[in-house]
Amino acid sequence: MTRDRRPASIAARVVIAALSVVVPAGCGVSVEDRARAVAPPPGPWPAPTAADTTAPSVPTGRVEEVLYFVRDNRLVPVVRRVDTVSTVDAHLQHLLAGPRPQEREQGLTSALPGTVIAAVARQIGTRAEVDVREPGQETGRSDGVLAFGQIVQTLASRDDIDSVTFTRDGRPLGIPRADGSLSEQPLTAADYAELSAPK
């Protein structure tokens, strides 16, 4: 004999429907017949700024490295960030490589081509000794005072260097200072201070 199960299934549906009404009410949510508008929270809210919507462009290097370039016949310091402190010679090679494209867009150039196309530096105590080669004939610029000022100011910006001397083939080289006089003595940032752009 087969029992009719339809009354039980109908009863189950009634219980489920009743629970669907009771459960929201038990959770503190009241049931309404129609939707109602919800007012936004009080403002005003600040509009997003460029700093909020763009990735930061802060350099990632941990160490500041100062290089001196030229703008309007003035020595201008540029601060780059590198991962580690460069040796004196590596620091000089960064200077000889010239300004980067974004630095050139700021009007920065170098007086080194035409005066110093290659050089090697070594550290002797707190003095940097720079051995320079003769400039090549193909270079077009010859601003000796600014060029040597770039080297002296760049290397003297280091905490471990306070003066710079120059040699060629191991012999002392007379270098023009800002006042036009030649010197074979150690040069300091003060020798080119009048050519430096105000900070």
C-alpha atoms as a PDB file:
ATOM      1  CA  MET A   1       0.000   0.000   0.000  1.00  0.00           C
ATOM      2  CA  THR A   2       1.420   3.359  -1.096  1.00  0.00           C
ATOM      3  CA  ARG A   3       1.078   6.290   1.312  1.00  0.00           C
ATOM      4  CA  ASP A   4       0.341   9.739  -0.122  1.00  0.00           C
ATOM      5  CA  ARG A   5       3.205  12.048   0.866  1.00  0.00           C
ATOM      6  CA  ARG A   6       1.774  15.259  -0.628  1.00  0.00           C
ATOM      7  CA  PRO A   7       0.382  16.629   2.684  1.00  0.00           C
ATOM      8  CA  ALA A   8       3.835  16.315   4.319  1.00  0.00           C
ATOM      9  CA  SER A   9       5.555  18.155   1.448  1.00  0.00           C
ATOM     10  CA  ILE A  10       2.950  20.912   1.583  1.00  0.00           C
ATOM     11  CA  ALA A  11       3.498  21.277   5.322  1.00  0.00           C
ATOM     12  CA  ALA A  12       7.266  21.521   4.779  1.00  0.00           C
ATOM     13  CA  ARG A  13       6.762  24.340   2.289  1.00  0.00           C
ATOM     14  CA  VAL A  14       4.598  26.243   4.742  1.00  0.00           C
ATOM     15  CA  VAL A  15       7.271  25.921   7.475  1.00  0.00           C
ATOM     16  CA  ILE A  16      10.036  27.161   5.120  1.00  0.00           C
ATOM     17  CA  ALA A  17       7.946  30.139   4.028  1.00  0.00           C
ATOM     18  CA  ALA A  18       7.257  31.051   7.650  1.00  0.00           C
ATOM     19  CA  LEU A  19      10.924  30.853   8.562  1.00  0.00           C
ATOM     20  CA  SER A  20      11.903  33.134   5.656  1.00  0.00           C
ATOM     21  CA  VAL A  21       9.740  35.828   7.228  1.00  0.00           C
ATOM     22  CA  VAL A  22      10.756  35.205  10.840  1.00  0.00           C
ATOM     23  CA  VAL A  23      14.539  34.977  10.356  1.00  0.00           C
ATOM     24  CA  PRO A  24      15.034  38.517   8.910  1.00  0.00           C
ATOM     25  CA  ALA A  25      12.811  39.936  11.613  1.00  0.00           C
ATOM     26  CA  GLY A  26      14.851  38.135  14.260  1.00  0.00           C
ATOM     27  CA  CYS A  27      18.053  39.694  12.870  1.00  0.00           C
ATOM     28  CA  GLY A  28      16.731  43.207  13.378  1.00  0.00           C
ATOM     29  CA  VAL A  29      15.891  43.819   9.700  1.00  0.00           C
ATOM     30  CA  SER A  30      12.339  45.007   9.304  1.00  0.00           C
ATOM     31  CA  VAL A  31      10.353  43.997   6.270  1.00  0.00           C
ATOM     32  CA  GLU A  32       8.872  46.838   4.231  1.00  0.00           C
ATOM     33  CA  ASP A  33       6.295  46.784   1.484  1.00  0.00           C
ATOM     34  CA  ARG A  34       8.247  49.085  -0.879  1.00  0.00           C
ATOM     35  CA  ALA A  35      11.803  50.270  -1.397  1.00  0.00           C
ATOM     36  CA  ARG A  36      12.824  53.563   0.127  1.00  0.00           C
ATOM     37  CA  ALA A  37      15.649  55.983  -0.778  1.00  0.00           C
ATOM     38  CA  VAL A  38      18.708  55.974   1.477  1.00  0.00           C
ATOM     39  CA  ALA A  39      20.400  59.318   2.171  1.00  0.00           C
ATOM     40  CA  PRO A  40      24.187  59.362   1.572  1.00  0.00           C
ATOM     41  CA  PRO A  41      26.427  60.041   4.593  1.00  0.00           C
ATOM     42  CA  PRO A  42      27.230  63.713   5.233  1.00  0.00           C
ATOM     43  CA  GLY A  43      30.142  65.157   3.227  1.00  0.00           C
ATOM     44  CA  PRO A  44      31.896  66.883   1.698  1.00  0.00           C
ATOM     45  CA  TRP A  45      34.316  64.174   0.632  1.00  0.00           C
ATOM     46  CA  PRO A  46      37.745  65.280  -0.743  1.00  0.00           C
ATOM     47  CA  ALA A  47      38.303  64.642  -4.424  1.00  0.00           C
ATOM     48  CA  PRO A  48      41.140  62.238  -5.216  1.00  0.00           C
ATOM     49  CA  THR A  49      44.444  63.978  -5.877  1.00  0.00           C
ATOM     50  CA  ALA A  50      47.211  63.051  -8.280  1.00  0.00           C
ATOM     51  CA  ALA A  51      49.139  61.543  -5.373  1.00  0.00           C
ATOM     52  CA  ASP A  52      46.171  59.209  -4.716  1.00  0.00           C
ATOM     53  CA  THR A  53      45.801  58.024  -8.296  1.00  0.00           C
ATOM     54  CA  THR A  54      49.361  57.744  -9.594  1.00  0.00           C
ATOM     55  CA  ALA A  55      52.245  55.562  -8.572  1.00  0.00           C
ATOM     56  CA  PRO A  56      54.988  57.336  -6.632  1.00  0.00           C
ATOM     57  CA  SER A  57      58.078  58.328  -8.620  1.00  0.00           C
ATOM     58  CA  VAL A  58      60.411  58.574  -5.638  1.00  0.00           C
ATOM     59  CA  PRO A  59      63.881  57.219  -6.472  1.00  0.00           C
ATOM     60  CA  THR A  60      64.558  53.917  -4.792  1.00  0.00           C
ATOM     61  CA  GLY A  61      68.306  54.164  -4.077  1.00  0.00           C
ATOM     62  CA  ARG A  62      69.360  54.380  -0.446  1.00  0.00           C
ATOM     63  CA  VAL A  63      72.366  56.705  -0.851  1.00  0.00           C
ATOM     64  CA  GLU A  64      72.515  60.247  -2.237  1.00  0.00           C
ATOM     65  CA  GLU A  65      75.170  60.960  -4.850  1.00  0.00           C
ATOM     66  CA  VAL A  66      75.810  64.571  -5.880  1.00  0.00           C
ATOM     67  CA  LEU A  67      76.985  65.448  -9.396  1.00  0.00           C
ATOM     68  CA  TYR A  68      77.651  68.950 -10.697  1.00  0.00           C
ATOM     69  CA  PHE A  69      76.491  69.886 -14.194  1.00  0.00           C
ATOM     70  CA  VAL A  70      76.241  73.220 -16.009  1.00  0.00           C
ATOM     71  CA  ARG A  71      73.297  75.500 -16.695  1.00  0.00           C
ATOM     72  CA  ASP A  72      73.638  79.143 -17.806  1.00  0.00           C
ATOM     73  CA  ASN A  73      77.420  78.997 -17.172  1.00  0.00           C
ATOM     74  CA  ARG A  74      76.823  78.010 -13.568  1.00  0.00           C
ATOM     75  CA  LEU A  75      77.696  74.825 -11.683  1.00  0.00           C
ATOM     76  CA  VAL A  76      74.461  73.180 -10.605  1.00  0.00           C
ATOM     77  CA  PRO A  77      74.272  70.253  -8.149  1.00  0.00           C
ATOM     78  CA  VAL A  78      72.117  67.277  -9.077  1.00  0.00           C
ATOM     79  CA  VAL A  79      71.261  64.663  -6.477  1.00  0.00           C
ATOM     80  CA  ARG A  80      70.876  61.109  -7.675  1.00  0.00           C
ATOM     81  CA  ARG A  81      70.117  58.066  -5.548  1.00  0.00           C
ATOM     82  CA  VAL A  82      72.234  54.933  -5.757  1.00  0.00           C
ATOM     83  CA  ASP A  83      72.122  51.642  -3.909  1.00  0.00           C
ATOM     84  CA  THR A  84      75.583  51.888  -2.348  1.00  0.00           C
ATOM     85  CA  VAL A  85      78.241  54.547  -1.834  1.00  0.00           C
ATOM     86  CA  SER A  86      80.331  54.750  -5.020  1.00  0.00           C
ATOM     87  CA  THR A  87      84.099  54.660  -5.007  1.00  0.00           C
ATOM     88  CA  VAL A  88      85.774  57.945  -5.893  1.00  0.00           C
ATOM     89  CA  ASP A  89      86.538  56.670  -9.394  1.00  0.00           C
ATOM     90  CA  ALA A  90      82.999  55.333  -9.969  1.00  0.00           C
ATOM     91  CA  HIS A  91      81.622  58.698  -8.820  1.00  0.00           C
ATOM     92  CA  LEU A  92      83.862  60.449 -11.356  1.00  0.00           C
ATOM     93  CA  GLN A  93      82.782  58.086 -14.146  1.00  0.00           C
ATOM     94  CA  HIS A  94      79.109  58.889 -13.403  1.00  0.00           C
ATOM     95  CA  LEU A  95      79.987  62.568 -13.868  1.00  0.00           C
ATOM     96  CA  LEU A  96      81.893  61.949 -17.105  1.00  0.00           C
ATOM     97  CA  ALA A  97      78.879  60.056 -18.499  1.00  0.00           C
ATOM     98  CA  GLY A  98      76.983  63.362 -18.476  1.00  0.00           C
ATOM     99  CA  PRO A  99      73.433  64.309 -17.570  1.00  0.00           C
ATOM    100  CA  ARG A 100      70.593  61.871 -18.084  1.00  0.00           C
ATOM    101  CA  PRO A 101      67.769  62.664 -20.557  1.00  0.00           C
ATOM    102  CA  GLN A 102      65.441  63.995 -17.839  1.00  0.00           C
ATOM    103  CA  GLU A 103      68.271  66.184 -16.526  1.00  0.00           C
ATOM    104  CA  ARG A 104      68.936  67.520 -20.024  1.00  0.00           C
ATOM    105  CA  GLU A 105      65.260  68.433 -20.232  1.00  0.00           C
ATOM    106  CA  GLN A 106      65.931  70.706 -17.245  1.00  0.00           C
ATOM    107  CA  GLY A 107      68.602  72.541 -19.255  1.00  0.00           C
ATOM    108  CA  LEU A 108      71.597  70.786 -17.696  1.00  0.00           C
ATOM    109  CA  THR A 109      74.704  70.127 -19.793  1.00  0.00           C
ATOM    110  CA  SER A 110      78.342  69.247 -19.166  1.00  0.00           C
ATOM    111  CA  ALA A 111      81.484  71.245 -19.940  1.00  0.00           C
ATOM    112  CA  LEU A 112      83.645  68.128 -19.714  1.00  0.00           C
ATOM    113  CA  PRO A 113      83.551  67.103 -23.403  1.00  0.00           C
ATOM    114  CA  GLY A 114      86.354  69.041 -25.074  1.00  0.00           C
ATOM    115  CA  THR A 115      88.301  69.408 -21.839  1.00  0.00           C
ATOM    116  CA  VAL A 116      88.257  66.042 -20.070  1.00  0.00           C
ATOM    117  CA  ILE A 117      87.068  63.049 -22.036  1.00  0.00           C
ATOM    118  CA  ALA A 118      88.645  60.405 -19.814  1.00  0.00           C
ATOM    119  CA  ALA A 119      90.037  60.409 -16.313  1.00  0.00           C
ATOM    120  CA  VAL A 120      90.781  58.050 -13.460  1.00  0.00           C
ATOM    121  CA  ALA A 121      90.489  58.982  -9.791  1.00  0.00           C
ATOM    122  CA  ARG A 122      91.982  57.469  -6.690  1.00  0.00           C
ATOM    123  CA  GLN A 123      91.576  58.375  -3.060  1.00  0.00           C
ATOM    124  CA  ILE A 124      94.586  59.308  -0.933  1.00  0.00           C
ATOM    125  CA  GLY A 125      93.349  59.991   2.578  1.00  0.00           C
ATOM    126  CA  THR A 126      90.770  62.758   2.220  1.00  0.00           C
ATOM    127  CA  ARG A 127      92.151  63.905  -1.135  1.00  0.00           C
ATOM    128  CA  ALA A 128      91.076  62.710  -4.583  1.00  0.00           C
ATOM    129  CA  GLU A 129      93.820  62.523  -7.202  1.00  0.00           C
ATOM    130  CA  VAL A 130      92.476  62.689 -10.755  1.00  0.00           C
ATOM    131  CA  ASP A 131      94.662  61.711 -13.693  1.00  0.00           C
ATOM    132  CA  VAL A 132      93.265  63.185 -16.928  1.00  0.00           C
ATOM    133  CA  ARG A 133      94.000  62.509 -20.595  1.00  0.00           C
ATOM    134  CA  GLU A 134      94.341  65.011 -23.394  1.00  0.00           C
ATOM    135  CA  PRO A 135      90.969  65.974 -24.911  1.00  0.00           C
ATOM    136  CA  GLY A 136      90.113  64.464 -28.278  1.00  0.00           C
ATOM    137  CA  GLN A 137      90.114  66.615 -31.400  1.00  0.00           C
ATOM    138  CA  GLU A 138      86.547  65.622 -32.268  1.00  0.00           C
ATOM    139  CA  THR A 139      85.012  67.256 -29.203  1.00  0.00           C
ATOM    140  CA  GLY A 140      83.553  70.696 -29.674  1.00  0.00           C
ATOM    141  CA  ARG A 141      83.397  72.308 -26.244  1.00  0.00           C
ATOM    142  CA  SER A 142      86.250  73.802 -24.226  1.00  0.00           C
ATOM    143  CA  ASP A 143      85.125  75.402 -20.957  1.00  0.00           C
ATOM    144  CA  GLY A 144      88.097  74.476 -18.804  1.00  0.00           C
ATOM    145  CA  VAL A 145      87.134  76.390 -15.677  1.00  0.00           C
ATOM    146  CA  LEU A 146      83.609  74.951 -15.622  1.00  0.00           C
ATOM    147  CA  ALA A 147      84.820  71.455 -16.534  1.00  0.00           C
ATOM    148  CA  PHE A 148      87.371  71.234 -13.728  1.00  0.00           C
ATOM    149  CA  GLY A 149      84.904  72.974 -11.436  1.00  0.00           C
ATOM    150  CA  GLN A 150      82.426  70.157 -12.137  1.00  0.00           C
ATOM    151  CA  ILE A 151      84.992  67.568 -11.066  1.00  0.00           C
ATOM    152  CA  VAL A 152      86.158  69.409  -7.962  1.00  0.00           C
ATOM    153  CA  GLN A 153      82.657  70.270  -6.767  1.00  0.00           C
ATOM    154  CA  THR A 154      81.392  66.737  -7.454  1.00  0.00           C
ATOM    155  CA  LEU A 155      84.178  64.928  -5.618  1.00  0.00           C
ATOM    156  CA  ALA A 156      84.345  67.495  -2.800  1.00  0.00           C
ATOM    157  CA  SER A 157      80.627  66.902  -2.167  1.00  0.00           C
ATOM    158  CA  ARG A 158      81.566  63.526  -0.692  1.00  0.00           C
ATOM    159  CA  ASP A 159      81.938  63.140   3.069  1.00  0.00           C
ATOM    160  CA  ASP A 160      85.303  61.409   2.622  1.00  0.00           C
ATOM    161  CA  ILE A 161      86.918  63.974   0.246  1.00  0.00           C
ATOM    162  CA  ASP A 162      87.860  67.563   1.036  1.00  0.00           C
ATOM    163  CA  SER A 163      90.268  68.405  -1.815  1.00  0.00           C
ATOM    164  CA  VAL A 164      91.165  67.360  -5.363  1.00  0.00           C
ATOM    165  CA  THR A 165      94.473  67.379  -7.251  1.00  0.00           C
ATOM    166  CA  PHE A 166      95.047  66.725 -10.953  1.00  0.00           C
ATOM    167  CA  THR A 167      97.824  64.966 -12.823  1.00  0.00           C
ATOM    168  CA  ARG A 168      98.587  64.009 -16.409  1.00  0.00           C
ATOM    169  CA  ASP A 169     100.794  60.977 -16.935  1.00  0.00           C
ATOM    170  CA  GLY A 170     101.643  61.140 -13.238  1.00  0.00           C
ATOM    171  CA  ARG A 171     102.861  64.773 -13.290  1.00  0.00           C
ATOM    172  CA  PRO A 172     101.059  67.623 -11.493  1.00  0.00           C
ATOM    173  CA  LEU A 173      98.719  69.563 -13.758  1.00  0.00           C
ATOM    174  CA  GLY A 174      97.946  73.260 -13.413  1.00  0.00           C
ATOM    175  CA  ILE A 175      94.177  73.706 -13.205  1.00  0.00           C
ATOM    176  CA  PRO A 176      92.235  76.956 -13.755  1.00  0.00           C
ATOM    177  CA  ARG A 177      90.313  78.164 -10.727  1.00  0.00           C
ATOM    178  CA  ALA A 178      87.207  80.315 -10.896  1.00  0.00           C
ATOM    179  CA  ASP A 179      89.320  83.490 -10.816  1.00  0.00           C
ATOM    180  CA  GLY A 180      91.310  82.295 -13.856  1.00  0.00           C
ATOM    181  CA  SER A 181      94.559  81.568 -12.019  1.00  0.00           C
ATOM    182  CA  LEU A 182      96.275  78.205 -12.475  1.00  0.00           C
ATOM    183  CA  SER A 183      97.059  76.012  -9.491  1.00  0.00           C
ATOM    184  CA  GLU A 184      98.837  72.698  -9.001  1.00  0.00           C
ATOM    185  CA  GLN A 185      97.825  72.710  -5.344  1.00  0.00           C
ATOM    186  CA  PRO A 186      94.842  70.776  -3.942  1.00  0.00           C
ATOM    187  CA  LEU A 187      91.590  72.447  -4.960  1.00  0.00           C
ATOM    188  CA  THR A 188      88.434  72.682  -2.879  1.00  0.00           C
ATOM    189  CA  ALA A 189      84.803  73.587  -3.467  1.00  0.00           C
ATOM    190  CA  ALA A 190      85.629  77.118  -2.280  1.00  0.00           C
ATOM    191  CA  ASP A 191      87.837  77.606  -5.379  1.00  0.00           C
ATOM    192  CA  TYR A 192      84.691  77.423  -7.562  1.00  0.00           C
ATOM    193  CA  ALA A 193      82.101  78.865  -5.190  1.00  0.00           C
ATOM    194  CA  GLU A 194      81.567  81.998  -7.320  1.00  0.00           C
ATOM    195  CA  LEU A 195      80.595  79.779 -10.289  1.00  0.00           C
ATOM    196  CA  SER A 196      78.084  77.736  -8.306  1.00  0.00           C
ATOM    197  CA  ALA A 197      74.396  78.429  -8.744  1.00  0.00           C
ATOM    198  CA  PRO A 198      72.725  79.678  -5.550  1.00  0.00           C
ATOM    199  CA  LYS A 199      70.995  76.888  -3.646  1.00  0.00           C
END
